[in-house]
Amino acid sequence: QIFIMNADGTDVMPLTLAAESAQLAGWSPDSSQILYGAKDERGATKVRLINIATGDITDLFSVDFDAPSPAFSPDGQWIAYLDRVPGRMAGGIYLSHPDGTEKNLAVQLDYWMVGNVSWSPDGKWLVFDVLNTDLYIPTSTTGLLNLETCQVIPLINLDGTIQTWVNP
């Protein structure tokens, strides 16, 4: 369940139903809505927006992945998210408009799993986790994708996960 509250812990307000099994993703660029993934009544995973002021929930699109981890681009024009890739073992990172149109596969690493997608403040880069499943004990590293050139840079000396970027 997703809640919002004041920074001091007062005025706790639930935004989703307890039975919805919502996976918080983040705020819209204008901070008026929350982006999240949730299973609908038929078991399909939906990427949804909830309006903080009204409580209205909007289904954006469906994915074939239990934890899509959607993230808004800084300008609000794109959402990066995880979904299954037809014919592949592991899922990939897709980009689409919030209404689900212009869906494009941005990253797919055959058997290695990707996850935890975050945009750079200028919207030109995506950072994501890569789980190397070729090893007996899988290891995780961070990848950086330049969206203009499609160049992928492994950040092999970074220990941990990048949750968000800070605009300098």
C-alpha atoms as a PDB file:
ATOM      1  CA  GLN A   1       0.000   0.000   0.000  1.00  0.00           C
ATOM      2  CA  ILE A   2       1.215   3.528  -0.786  1.00  0.00           C
ATOM      3  CA  PHE A   3       0.843   6.323   1.774  1.00  0.00           C
ATOM      4  CA  ILE A   4       1.775   9.990   1.823  1.00  0.00           C
ATOM      5  CA  MET A   5       2.365  12.105   4.926  1.00  0.00           C
ATOM      6  CA  ASN A   6       3.973  15.275   6.135  1.00  0.00           C
ATOM      7  CA  ALA A   7       7.731  15.218   6.681  1.00  0.00           C
ATOM      8  CA  ASP A   8       7.146  15.132  10.454  1.00  0.00           C
ATOM      9  CA  GLY A   9       5.054  11.946  10.157  1.00  0.00           C
ATOM     10  CA  THR A  10       1.649  13.573  10.650  1.00  0.00           C
ATOM     11  CA  ASP A  11      -1.413  13.397   8.391  1.00  0.00           C
ATOM     12  CA  VAL A  12      -0.767   9.880   7.078  1.00  0.00           C
ATOM     13  CA  MET A  13      -3.062   9.235   4.120  1.00  0.00           C
ATOM     14  CA  PRO A  14      -3.363   5.961   2.173  1.00  0.00           C
ATOM     15  CA  LEU A  15      -3.441   6.410  -1.597  1.00  0.00           C
ATOM     16  CA  THR A  16      -3.933   2.797  -2.671  1.00  0.00           C
ATOM     17  CA  LEU A  17      -5.948  -0.104  -1.317  1.00  0.00           C
ATOM     18  CA  ALA A  18      -4.222  -2.660   0.916  1.00  0.00           C
ATOM     19  CA  ALA A  19      -5.234  -5.491  -1.435  1.00  0.00           C
ATOM     20  CA  GLU A  20      -3.741  -3.765  -4.495  1.00  0.00           C
ATOM     21  CA  SER A  21      -0.114  -4.809  -3.840  1.00  0.00           C
ATOM     22  CA  ALA A  22       1.242  -1.525  -5.208  1.00  0.00           C
ATOM     23  CA  GLN A  23       4.942  -1.070  -5.975  1.00  0.00           C
ATOM     24  CA  LEU A  24       5.921   2.569  -5.554  1.00  0.00           C
ATOM     25  CA  ALA A  25       8.019   3.958  -8.413  1.00  0.00           C
ATOM     26  CA  GLY A  26       8.172   7.708  -7.844  1.00  0.00           C
ATOM     27  CA  TRP A  27       6.676  11.124  -8.387  1.00  0.00           C
ATOM     28  CA  SER A  28       5.629  12.748 -11.633  1.00  0.00           C
ATOM     29  CA  PRO A  29       7.940  15.624 -12.668  1.00  0.00           C
ATOM     30  CA  ASP A  30       5.386  18.187 -11.433  1.00  0.00           C
ATOM     31  CA  SER A  31       4.959  16.301  -8.095  1.00  0.00           C
ATOM     32  CA  SER A  32       1.179  16.134  -8.509  1.00  0.00           C
ATOM     33  CA  GLN A  33       0.983  12.375  -9.119  1.00  0.00           C
ATOM     34  CA  ILE A  34       2.651   9.148  -8.024  1.00  0.00           C
ATOM     35  CA  LEU A  35       3.738   6.507 -10.531  1.00  0.00           C
ATOM     36  CA  TYR A  36       3.490   2.868  -9.482  1.00  0.00           C
ATOM     37  CA  GLY A  37       3.018  -0.692 -10.664  1.00  0.00           C
ATOM     38  CA  ALA A  38       0.192  -2.934  -9.434  1.00  0.00           C
ATOM     39  CA  LYS A  39      -1.660  -6.110 -10.315  1.00  0.00           C
ATOM     40  CA  ASP A  40      -5.234  -5.620 -11.450  1.00  0.00           C
ATOM     41  CA  GLU A  41      -8.136  -7.908 -10.528  1.00  0.00           C
ATOM     42  CA  ARG A  42      -7.231 -10.327 -13.370  1.00  0.00           C
ATOM     43  CA  GLY A  43      -3.569 -10.550 -12.318  1.00  0.00           C
ATOM     44  CA  ALA A  44      -2.159  -8.327 -15.087  1.00  0.00           C
ATOM     45  CA  THR A  45       0.492  -5.811 -14.045  1.00  0.00           C
ATOM     46  CA  LYS A  46      -0.482  -2.220 -14.774  1.00  0.00           C
ATOM     47  CA  VAL A  47       1.610   0.924 -14.705  1.00  0.00           C
ATOM     48  CA  ARG A  48      -0.581   3.483 -12.962  1.00  0.00           C
ATOM     49  CA  LEU A  49      -0.698   7.110 -11.858  1.00  0.00           C
ATOM     50  CA  ILE A  50      -2.523   8.364  -8.811  1.00  0.00           C
ATOM     51  CA  ASN A  51      -3.426  12.025  -8.525  1.00  0.00           C
ATOM     52  CA  ILE A  52      -2.482  13.248  -5.037  1.00  0.00           C
ATOM     53  CA  ALA A  53      -5.166  15.970  -4.894  1.00  0.00           C
ATOM     54  CA  THR A  54      -8.127  13.907  -6.128  1.00  0.00           C
ATOM     55  CA  GLY A  55      -7.119  10.281  -5.490  1.00  0.00           C
ATOM     56  CA  ASP A  56      -8.027   9.429  -9.086  1.00  0.00           C
ATOM     57  CA  ILE A  57      -6.131   6.444 -10.473  1.00  0.00           C
ATOM     58  CA  THR A  58      -5.239   6.252 -14.167  1.00  0.00           C
ATOM     59  CA  ASP A  59      -4.097   3.014 -15.808  1.00  0.00           C
ATOM     60  CA  LEU A  60      -1.348   3.980 -18.259  1.00  0.00           C
ATOM     61  CA  PHE A  61      -0.507   0.596 -19.824  1.00  0.00           C
ATOM     62  CA  SER A  62      -0.026  -3.108 -19.024  1.00  0.00           C
ATOM     63  CA  VAL A  63       3.241  -5.029 -18.865  1.00  0.00           C
ATOM     64  CA  ASP A  64       4.090  -8.728 -18.721  1.00  0.00           C
ATOM     65  CA  PHE A  65       6.455  -8.303 -15.771  1.00  0.00           C
ATOM     66  CA  ASP A  66       5.702  -8.513 -12.039  1.00  0.00           C
ATOM     67  CA  ALA A  67       7.836  -5.538 -10.971  1.00  0.00           C
ATOM     68  CA  PRO A  68       8.025  -3.025 -13.845  1.00  0.00           C
ATOM     69  CA  SER A  69       9.862  -0.346 -11.782  1.00  0.00           C
ATOM     70  CA  PRO A  70       8.593   2.538 -13.950  1.00  0.00           C
ATOM     71  CA  ALA A  71      10.346   5.917 -13.874  1.00  0.00           C
ATOM     72  CA  PHE A  72       9.324   9.232 -15.450  1.00  0.00           C
ATOM     73  CA  SER A  73      11.785  11.157 -17.590  1.00  0.00           C
ATOM     74  CA  PRO A  74      12.496  14.620 -16.143  1.00  0.00           C
ATOM     75  CA  ASP A  75      10.295  16.266 -18.787  1.00  0.00           C
ATOM     76  CA  GLY A  76       7.429  13.786 -18.218  1.00  0.00           C
ATOM     77  CA  GLN A  77       7.359  12.763 -21.893  1.00  0.00           C
ATOM     78  CA  TRP A  78       8.714   9.215 -21.389  1.00  0.00           C
ATOM     79  CA  ILE A  79       8.539   6.370 -18.912  1.00  0.00           C
ATOM     80  CA  ALA A  80      11.337   3.824 -18.589  1.00  0.00           C
ATOM     81  CA  TYR A  81      10.174   0.442 -17.274  1.00  0.00           C
ATOM     82  CA  LEU A  82      10.919  -3.270 -17.184  1.00  0.00           C
ATOM     83  CA  ASP A  83       9.010  -5.773 -19.286  1.00  0.00           C
ATOM     84  CA  ARG A  84       9.463  -9.177 -20.866  1.00  0.00           C
ATOM     85  CA  VAL A  85      11.304  -9.374 -24.171  1.00  0.00           C
ATOM     86  CA  PRO A  86       9.725 -11.854 -26.600  1.00  0.00           C
ATOM     87  CA  GLY A  87      12.031 -14.800 -27.255  1.00  0.00           C
ATOM     88  CA  ARG A  88      14.481 -13.898 -24.466  1.00  0.00           C
ATOM     89  CA  MET A  89      15.012 -15.361 -21.016  1.00  0.00           C
ATOM     90  CA  ALA A  90      15.528 -12.064 -19.182  1.00  0.00           C
ATOM     91  CA  GLY A  91      13.459  -8.920 -19.349  1.00  0.00           C
ATOM     92  CA  GLY A  92      14.557  -5.603 -20.755  1.00  0.00           C
ATOM     93  CA  ILE A  93      14.228  -1.887 -20.255  1.00  0.00           C
ATOM     94  CA  TYR A  94      11.656  -0.202 -22.458  1.00  0.00           C
ATOM     95  CA  LEU A  95      10.819   3.431 -23.088  1.00  0.00           C
ATOM     96  CA  SER A  96       7.366   4.626 -24.041  1.00  0.00           C
ATOM     97  CA  HIS A  97       5.169   7.668 -23.724  1.00  0.00           C
ATOM     98  CA  PRO A  98       2.946   7.655 -20.614  1.00  0.00           C
ATOM     99  CA  ASP A  99       0.007   6.445 -22.715  1.00  0.00           C
ATOM    100  CA  GLY A 100       2.062   3.385 -23.800  1.00  0.00           C
ATOM    101  CA  THR A 101       2.699   4.564 -27.366  1.00  0.00           C
ATOM    102  CA  GLU A 102       6.085   4.468 -29.132  1.00  0.00           C
ATOM    103  CA  LYS A 103       7.288   1.536 -27.025  1.00  0.00           C
ATOM    104  CA  ASN A 104      10.982   0.931 -27.719  1.00  0.00           C
ATOM    105  CA  LEU A 105      13.382  -1.625 -26.271  1.00  0.00           C
ATOM    106  CA  ALA A 106      16.397   0.258 -24.867  1.00  0.00           C
ATOM    107  CA  VAL A 107      18.364  -2.492 -23.058  1.00  0.00           C
ATOM    108  CA  GLN A 108      18.287  -6.297 -23.158  1.00  0.00           C
ATOM    109  CA  LEU A 109      21.234  -8.371 -21.978  1.00  0.00           C
ATOM    110  CA  ASP A 110      20.211 -11.916 -23.020  1.00  0.00           C
ATOM    111  CA  TYR A 111      20.415 -13.908 -19.753  1.00  0.00           C
ATOM    112  CA  TRP A 112      21.536 -11.133 -17.421  1.00  0.00           C
ATOM    113  CA  MET A 113      18.753  -9.404 -15.564  1.00  0.00           C
ATOM    114  CA  VAL A 114      18.279  -5.633 -15.554  1.00  0.00           C
ATOM    115  CA  GLY A 115      16.405  -3.550 -13.015  1.00  0.00           C
ATOM    116  CA  ASN A 116      16.094  -0.439 -10.901  1.00  0.00           C
ATOM    117  CA  VAL A 117      15.948   2.187 -13.660  1.00  0.00           C
ATOM    118  CA  SER A 118      16.615   5.888 -12.975  1.00  0.00           C
ATOM    119  CA  TRP A 119      16.889   8.937 -15.284  1.00  0.00           C
ATOM    120  CA  SER A 120      19.607  11.571 -15.201  1.00  0.00           C
ATOM    121  CA  PRO A 121      18.317  15.100 -14.439  1.00  0.00           C
ATOM    122  CA  ASP A 122      18.883  16.147 -18.082  1.00  0.00           C
ATOM    123  CA  GLY A 123      17.015  13.089 -19.436  1.00  0.00           C
ATOM    124  CA  LYS A 124      19.962  11.983 -21.600  1.00  0.00           C
ATOM    125  CA  TRP A 125      21.066   8.976 -19.509  1.00  0.00           C
ATOM    126  CA  LEU A 126      19.524   5.960 -17.801  1.00  0.00           C
ATOM    127  CA  VAL A 127      21.233   4.170 -14.963  1.00  0.00           C
ATOM    128  CA  PHE A 128      20.217   0.601 -14.145  1.00  0.00           C
ATOM    129  CA  ASP A 129      21.298  -2.485 -12.236  1.00  0.00           C
ATOM    130  CA  VAL A 130      22.645  -5.577 -13.997  1.00  0.00           C
ATOM    131  CA  LEU A 131      22.610  -8.979 -12.309  1.00  0.00           C
ATOM    132  CA  ASN A 132      25.268 -11.258 -13.798  1.00  0.00           C
ATOM    133  CA  THR A 133      23.595 -14.668 -13.630  1.00  0.00           C
ATOM    134  CA  ASP A 134      26.524 -16.434 -15.349  1.00  0.00           C
ATOM    135  CA  LEU A 135      28.316 -16.696 -12.005  1.00  0.00           C
ATOM    136  CA  TYR A 136      27.694 -19.329  -9.323  1.00  0.00           C
ATOM    137  CA  ILE A 137      26.964 -16.476  -6.906  1.00  0.00           C
ATOM    138  CA  PRO A 138      25.413 -13.750  -9.096  1.00  0.00           C
ATOM    139  CA  THR A 139      26.922 -10.305  -8.781  1.00  0.00           C
ATOM    140  CA  SER A 140      25.339  -6.960  -9.451  1.00  0.00           C
ATOM    141  CA  THR A 141      26.867  -3.992 -11.203  1.00  0.00           C
ATOM    142  CA  THR A 142      25.515  -0.705 -12.481  1.00  0.00           C
ATOM    143  CA  GLY A 143      25.104   0.209 -16.137  1.00  0.00           C
ATOM    144  CA  LEU A 144      24.796   3.646 -17.672  1.00  0.00           C
ATOM    145  CA  LEU A 145      22.993   4.112 -21.009  1.00  0.00           C
ATOM    146  CA  ASN A 146      23.437   7.217 -23.164  1.00  0.00           C
ATOM    147  CA  LEU A 147      20.030   7.604 -24.826  1.00  0.00           C
ATOM    148  CA  GLU A 148      21.410   9.736 -27.673  1.00  0.00           C
ATOM    149  CA  THR A 149      24.202   7.360 -28.752  1.00  0.00           C
ATOM    150  CA  CYS A 150      22.994   4.016 -27.288  1.00  0.00           C
ATOM    151  CA  GLN A 151      26.414   3.642 -25.646  1.00  0.00           C
ATOM    152  CA  VAL A 152      26.362   1.479 -22.503  1.00  0.00           C
ATOM    153  CA  ILE A 153      29.002   2.071 -19.854  1.00  0.00           C
ATOM    154  CA  PRO A 154      29.462  -0.463 -17.045  1.00  0.00           C
ATOM    155  CA  LEU A 155      30.242   1.220 -13.733  1.00  0.00           C
ATOM    156  CA  ILE A 156      32.186  -1.747 -12.398  1.00  0.00           C
ATOM    157  CA  ASN A 157      33.792   0.034  -9.446  1.00  0.00           C
ATOM    158  CA  LEU A 158      30.517   1.347  -8.069  1.00  0.00           C
ATOM    159  CA  ASP A 159      29.290  -0.650  -5.096  1.00  0.00           C
ATOM    160  CA  GLY A 160      25.532  -0.465  -4.555  1.00  0.00           C
ATOM    161  CA  THR A 161      22.539   0.863  -6.434  1.00  0.00           C
ATOM    162  CA  ILE A 162      21.783   4.352  -7.735  1.00  0.00           C
ATOM    163  CA  GLN A 163      18.246   5.208  -6.623  1.00  0.00           C
ATOM    164  CA  THR A 164      18.085   8.746  -7.980  1.00  0.00           C
ATOM    165  CA  TRP A 165      20.267  11.480  -9.458  1.00  0.00           C
ATOM    166  CA  VAL A 166      20.855  14.914  -8.019  1.00  0.00           C
ATOM    167  CA  ASN A 167      20.909  17.919 -10.312  1.00  0.00           C
ATOM    168  CA  PRO A 168      24.212  19.736  -9.576  1.00  0.00           C
END
